[in-house]
Amino acid sequence: MEREYAVGWGTLALINAGLAQGKGRSAPGWFLGSLLLGPLATLLIVALPRIQLHSD
């Protein structure tokens, strides 16, 4: 049972990294944060606005 829990948590961290990258945020940083925060990190990623990159 614990192994499945760890696999699910790791999968969620990978998904969160992809979501964060799509919003212009650090994928590795959010991956590590997701390992600690889990579903709360998903909520934060979804709630935070997209980072706009300014091209001059």
PDB file of N, CA and C in Angstrom:
ATOM      1  N   MET A   1       0.817  -1.197   0.000  1.00  0.00           N
ATOM      2  CA  MET A   1       0.000   0.000   0.000  1.00  0.00           C
ATOM      3  C   MET A   1       0.864   1.265   0.000  1.00  0.00           C
ATOM      4  N   GLU A   2       1.937   1.279   0.771  1.00  0.00           N
ATOM      5  CA  GLU A   2       2.795   2.460   0.841  1.00  0.00           C
ATOM      6  C   GLU A   2       3.472   2.738  -0.490  1.00  0.00           C
ATOM      7  N   ARG A   3       3.804   1.696  -1.234  1.00  0.00           N
ATOM      8  CA  ARG A   3       4.456   1.883  -2.528  1.00  0.00           C
ATOM      9  C   ARG A   3       3.532   2.593  -3.505  1.00  0.00           C
ATOM     10  N   GLU A   4       2.267   2.212  -3.532  1.00  0.00           N
ATOM     11  CA  GLU A   4       1.308   2.861  -4.421  1.00  0.00           C
ATOM     12  C   GLU A   4       1.119   4.325  -4.040  1.00  0.00           C
ATOM     13  N   TYR A   5       1.133   4.593  -2.751  1.00  0.00           N
ATOM     14  CA  TYR A   5       1.002   5.965  -2.265  1.00  0.00           C
ATOM     15  C   TYR A   5       2.180   6.804  -2.752  1.00  0.00           C
ATOM     16  N   ALA A   6       3.382   6.265  -2.652  1.00  0.00           N
ATOM     17  CA  ALA A   6       4.585   6.983  -3.087  1.00  0.00           C
ATOM     18  C   ALA A   6       4.578   7.200  -4.592  1.00  0.00           C
ATOM     19  N   VAL A   7       4.139   6.219  -5.354  1.00  0.00           N
ATOM     20  CA  VAL A   7       4.067   6.361  -6.810  1.00  0.00           C
ATOM     21  C   VAL A   7       3.061   7.446  -7.178  1.00  0.00           C
ATOM     22  N   GLY A   8       1.920   7.461  -6.533  1.00  0.00           N
ATOM     23  CA  GLY A   8       0.910   8.487  -6.792  1.00  0.00           C
ATOM     24  C   GLY A   8       1.404   9.881  -6.439  1.00  0.00           C
ATOM     25  N   TRP A   9       2.103  10.004  -5.312  1.00  0.00           N
ATOM     26  CA  TRP A   9       2.628  11.293  -4.878  1.00  0.00           C
ATOM     27  C   TRP A   9       3.680  11.790  -5.873  1.00  0.00           C
ATOM     28  N   GLY A  10       4.538  10.893  -6.328  1.00  0.00           N
ATOM     29  CA  GLY A  10       5.559  11.256  -7.319  1.00  0.00           C
ATOM     30  C   GLY A  10       4.948  11.646  -8.651  1.00  0.00           C
ATOM     31  N   THR A  11       3.900  10.924  -9.054  1.00  0.00           N
ATOM     32  CA  THR A  11       3.210  11.258 -10.298  1.00  0.00           C
ATOM     33  C   THR A  11       2.571  12.630 -10.199  1.00  0.00           C
ATOM     34  N   LEU A  12       1.966  12.936  -9.082  1.00  0.00           N
ATOM     35  CA  LEU A  12       1.367  14.255  -8.874  1.00  0.00           C
ATOM     36  C   LEU A  12       2.441  15.340  -8.944  1.00  0.00           C
ATOM     37  N   ALA A  13       3.610  15.081  -8.397  1.00  0.00           N
ATOM     38  CA  ALA A  13       4.707  16.054  -8.441  1.00  0.00           C
ATOM     39  C   ALA A  13       5.134  16.310  -9.887  1.00  0.00           C
ATOM     40  N   LEU A  14       5.185  15.262 -10.710  1.00  0.00           N
ATOM     41  CA  LEU A  14       5.530  15.430 -12.126  1.00  0.00           C
ATOM     42  C   LEU A  14       4.466  16.241 -12.864  1.00  0.00           C
ATOM     43  N   ILE A  15       3.215  15.953 -12.592  1.00  0.00           N
ATOM     44  CA  ILE A  15       2.115  16.694 -13.216  1.00  0.00           C
ATOM     45  C   ILE A  15       2.182  18.162 -12.802  1.00  0.00           C
ATOM     46  N   ASN A  16       2.431  18.410 -11.531  1.00  0.00           N
ATOM     47  CA  ASN A  16       2.531  19.789 -11.049  1.00  0.00           C
ATOM     48  C   ASN A  16       3.694  20.525 -11.699  1.00  0.00           C
ATOM     49  N   ALA A  17       4.808  19.834 -11.915  1.00  0.00           N
ATOM     50  CA  ALA A  17       5.952  20.463 -12.588  1.00  0.00           C
ATOM     51  C   ALA A  17       5.561  20.890 -13.997  1.00  0.00           C
ATOM     52  N   GLY A  18       4.816  20.053 -14.702  1.00  0.00           N
ATOM     53  CA  GLY A  18       4.351  20.405 -16.041  1.00  0.00           C
ATOM     54  C   GLY A  18       3.384  21.572 -16.019  1.00  0.00           C
ATOM     55  N   LEU A  19       2.466  21.578 -15.058  1.00  0.00           N
ATOM     56  CA  LEU A  19       1.525  22.695 -14.923  1.00  0.00           C
ATOM     57  C   LEU A  19       2.273  23.996 -14.636  1.00  0.00           C
ATOM     58  N   ALA A  20       3.240  23.928 -13.743  1.00  0.00           N
ATOM     59  CA  ALA A  20       4.002  25.125 -13.377  1.00  0.00           C
ATOM     60  C   ALA A  20       4.791  25.649 -14.575  1.00  0.00           C
ATOM     61  N   GLN A  21       5.405  24.765 -15.321  1.00  0.00           N
ATOM     62  CA  GLN A  21       6.175  25.176 -16.490  1.00  0.00           C
ATOM     63  C   GLN A  21       5.262  25.843 -17.524  1.00  0.00           C
ATOM     64  N   GLY A  22       4.069  25.316 -17.682  1.00  0.00           N
ATOM     65  CA  GLY A  22       3.112  25.900 -18.605  1.00  0.00           C
ATOM     66  C   GLY A  22       2.667  27.291 -18.195  1.00  0.00           C
ATOM     67  N   LYS A  23       2.809  27.621 -16.917  1.00  0.00           N
ATOM     68  CA  LYS A  23       2.440  28.952 -16.420  1.00  0.00           C
ATOM     69  C   LYS A  23       3.671  29.844 -16.258  1.00  0.00           C
ATOM     70  N   GLY A  24       4.803  29.419 -16.809  1.00  0.00           N
ATOM     71  CA  GLY A  24       6.007  30.243 -16.762  1.00  0.00           C
ATOM     72  C   GLY A  24       6.764  30.179 -15.453  1.00  0.00           C
ATOM     73  N   ARG A  25       6.527  29.162 -14.671  1.00  0.00           N
ATOM     74  CA  ARG A  25       7.187  29.022 -13.372  1.00  0.00           C
ATOM     75  C   ARG A  25       8.235  27.914 -13.427  1.00  0.00           C
ATOM     76  N   SER A  26       9.027  27.792 -12.401  1.00  0.00           N
ATOM     77  CA  SER A  26      10.122  26.838 -12.340  1.00  0.00           C
ATOM     78  C   SER A  26       9.603  25.405 -12.163  1.00  0.00           C
ATOM     79  N   ALA A  27       9.787  24.592 -13.167  1.00  0.00           N
ATOM     80  CA  ALA A  27       9.340  23.196 -13.077  1.00  0.00           C
ATOM     81  C   ALA A  27      10.091  22.426 -11.987  1.00  0.00           C
ATOM     82  N   PRO A  28      11.439  22.501 -11.927  1.00  0.00           N
ATOM     83  CA  PRO A  28      12.140  21.768 -10.858  1.00  0.00           C
ATOM     84  C   PRO A  28      11.760  22.250  -9.455  1.00  0.00           C
ATOM     85  N   GLY A  29      11.585  23.552  -9.315  1.00  0.00           N
ATOM     86  CA  GLY A  29      11.204  24.090  -8.010  1.00  0.00           C
ATOM     87  C   GLY A  29       9.833  23.606  -7.572  1.00  0.00           C
ATOM     88  N   TRP A  30       8.876  23.625  -8.496  1.00  0.00           N
ATOM     89  CA  TRP A  30       7.531  23.164  -8.165  1.00  0.00           C
ATOM     90  C   TRP A  30       7.485  21.648  -7.996  1.00  0.00           C
ATOM     91  N   PHE A  31       8.355  20.929  -8.697  1.00  0.00           N
ATOM     92  CA  PHE A  31       8.425  19.479  -8.493  1.00  0.00           C
ATOM     93  C   PHE A  31       8.821  19.192  -7.045  1.00  0.00           C
ATOM     94  N   LEU A  32       9.876  19.860  -6.588  1.00  0.00           N
ATOM     95  CA  LEU A  32      10.339  19.642  -5.208  1.00  0.00           C
ATOM     96  C   LEU A  32       9.299  20.125  -4.197  1.00  0.00           C
ATOM     97  N   GLY A  33       8.693  21.267  -4.486  1.00  0.00           N
ATOM     98  CA  GLY A  33       7.650  21.767  -3.597  1.00  0.00           C
ATOM     99  C   GLY A  33       6.462  20.823  -3.531  1.00  0.00           C
ATOM    100  N   SER A  34       6.157  20.212  -4.658  1.00  0.00           N
ATOM    101  CA  SER A  34       5.033  19.278  -4.714  1.00  0.00           C
ATOM    102  C   SER A  34       5.310  18.006  -3.924  1.00  0.00           C
ATOM    103  N   LEU A  35       6.566  17.615  -3.859  1.00  0.00           N
ATOM    104  CA  LEU A  35       6.903  16.441  -3.047  1.00  0.00           C
ATOM    105  C   LEU A  35       6.590  16.710  -1.576  1.00  0.00           C
ATOM    106  N   LEU A  36       6.706  17.964  -1.173  1.00  0.00           N
ATOM    107  CA  LEU A  36       6.412  18.331   0.209  1.00  0.00           C
ATOM    108  C   LEU A  36       4.933  18.657   0.427  1.00  0.00           C
ATOM    109  N   LEU A  37       4.330  19.379  -0.526  1.00  0.00           N
ATOM    110  CA  LEU A  37       2.973  19.895  -0.335  1.00  0.00           C
ATOM    111  C   LEU A  37       1.874  19.053  -0.965  1.00  0.00           C
ATOM    112  N   GLY A  38       2.231  18.240  -1.957  1.00  0.00           N
ATOM    113  CA  GLY A  38       1.257  17.370  -2.624  1.00  0.00           C
ATOM    114  C   GLY A  38       0.113  18.128  -3.263  1.00  0.00           C
ATOM    115  N   PRO A  39      -1.115  17.740  -2.971  1.00  0.00           N
ATOM    116  CA  PRO A  39      -2.279  18.366  -3.604  1.00  0.00           C
ATOM    117  C   PRO A  39      -2.410  19.862  -3.317  1.00  0.00           C
ATOM    118  N   LEU A  40      -1.877  20.327  -2.210  1.00  0.00           N
ATOM    119  CA  LEU A  40      -1.907  21.754  -1.922  1.00  0.00           C
ATOM    120  C   LEU A  40      -1.104  22.527  -2.974  1.00  0.00           C
ATOM    121  N   ALA A  41       0.000  21.949  -3.428  1.00  0.00           N
ATOM    122  CA  ALA A  41       0.794  22.591  -4.481  1.00  0.00           C
ATOM    123  C   ALA A  41      -0.015  22.688  -5.772  1.00  0.00           C
ATOM    124  N   THR A  42      -0.812  21.677  -6.076  1.00  0.00           N
ATOM    125  CA  THR A  42      -1.667  21.721  -7.270  1.00  0.00           C
ATOM    126  C   THR A  42      -2.624  22.894  -7.171  1.00  0.00           C
ATOM    127  N   LEU A  43      -3.229  23.063  -6.037  1.00  0.00           N
ATOM    128  CA  LEU A  43      -4.154  24.176  -5.825  1.00  0.00           C
ATOM    129  C   LEU A  43      -3.440  25.516  -6.002  1.00  0.00           C
ATOM    130  N   LEU A  44      -2.244  25.637  -5.462  1.00  0.00           N
ATOM    131  CA  LEU A  44      -1.490  26.884  -5.592  1.00  0.00           C
ATOM    132  C   LEU A  44      -1.140  27.172  -7.049  1.00  0.00           C
ATOM    133  N   ILE A  45      -0.697  26.165  -7.777  1.00  0.00           N
ATOM    134  CA  ILE A  45      -0.329  26.359  -9.180  1.00  0.00           C
ATOM    135  C   ILE A  45      -1.530  26.824  -9.985  1.00  0.00           C
ATOM    136  N   VAL A  46      -2.657  26.203  -9.754  1.00  0.00           N
ATOM    137  CA  VAL A  46      -3.866  26.561 -10.496  1.00  0.00           C
ATOM    138  C   VAL A  46      -4.341  27.966 -10.113  1.00  0.00           C
ATOM    139  N   ALA A  47      -4.220  28.336  -8.856  1.00  0.00           N
ATOM    140  CA  ALA A  47      -4.724  29.624  -8.383  1.00  0.00           C
ATOM    141  C   ALA A  47      -3.807  30.794  -8.744  1.00  0.00           C
ATOM    142  N   LEU A  48      -2.504  30.545  -8.821  1.00  0.00           N
ATOM    143  CA  LEU A  48      -1.575  31.629  -9.122  1.00  0.00           C
ATOM    144  C   LEU A  48      -1.687  32.041 -10.588  1.00  0.00           C
ATOM    145  N   PRO A  49      -1.527  33.330 -10.865  1.00  0.00           N
ATOM    146  CA  PRO A  49      -1.621  33.785 -12.255  1.00  0.00           C
ATOM    147  C   PRO A  49      -0.402  33.358 -13.073  1.00  0.00           C
ATOM    148  N   ARG A  50      -0.598  33.320 -14.383  1.00  0.00           N
ATOM    149  CA  ARG A  50       0.488  33.006 -15.312  1.00  0.00           C
ATOM    150  C   ARG A  50       1.503  34.146 -15.265  1.00  0.00           C
ATOM    151  N   ILE A  51       2.783  33.808 -15.334  1.00  0.00           N
ATOM    152  CA  ILE A  51       3.832  34.815 -15.373  1.00  0.00           C
ATOM    153  C   ILE A  51       3.990  35.285 -16.811  1.00  0.00           C
ATOM    154  N   GLN A  52       3.834  36.599 -17.005  1.00  0.00           N
ATOM    155  CA  GLN A  52       3.962  37.172 -18.339  1.00  0.00           C
ATOM    156  C   GLN A  52       5.422  37.572 -18.556  1.00  0.00           C
ATOM    157  N   LEU A  53       6.022  37.051 -19.610  1.00  0.00           N
ATOM    158  CA  LEU A  53       7.384  37.423 -19.967  1.00  0.00           C
ATOM    159  C   LEU A  53       7.313  38.594 -20.932  1.00  0.00           C
ATOM    160  N   HIS A  54       8.009  39.666 -20.592  1.00  0.00           N
ATOM    161  CA  HIS A  54       7.992  40.868 -21.424  1.00  0.00           C
ATOM    162  C   HIS A  54       9.133  40.794 -22.422  1.00  0.00           C
ATOM    163  N   SER A  55       8.837  40.930 -23.686  1.00  0.00           N
ATOM    164  CA  SER A  55       9.881  40.967 -24.703  1.00  0.00           C
ATOM    165  C   SER A  55       9.975  42.398 -25.228  1.00  0.00           C
ATOM    166  N   ASP A  56      11.169  42.957 -25.061  1.00  0.00           N
ATOM    167  CA  ASP A  56      11.383  44.355 -25.474  1.00  0.00           C
ATOM    168  C   ASP A  56      11.990  44.433 -26.844  1.00  0.00           C
TER     169      ASP A  56
END
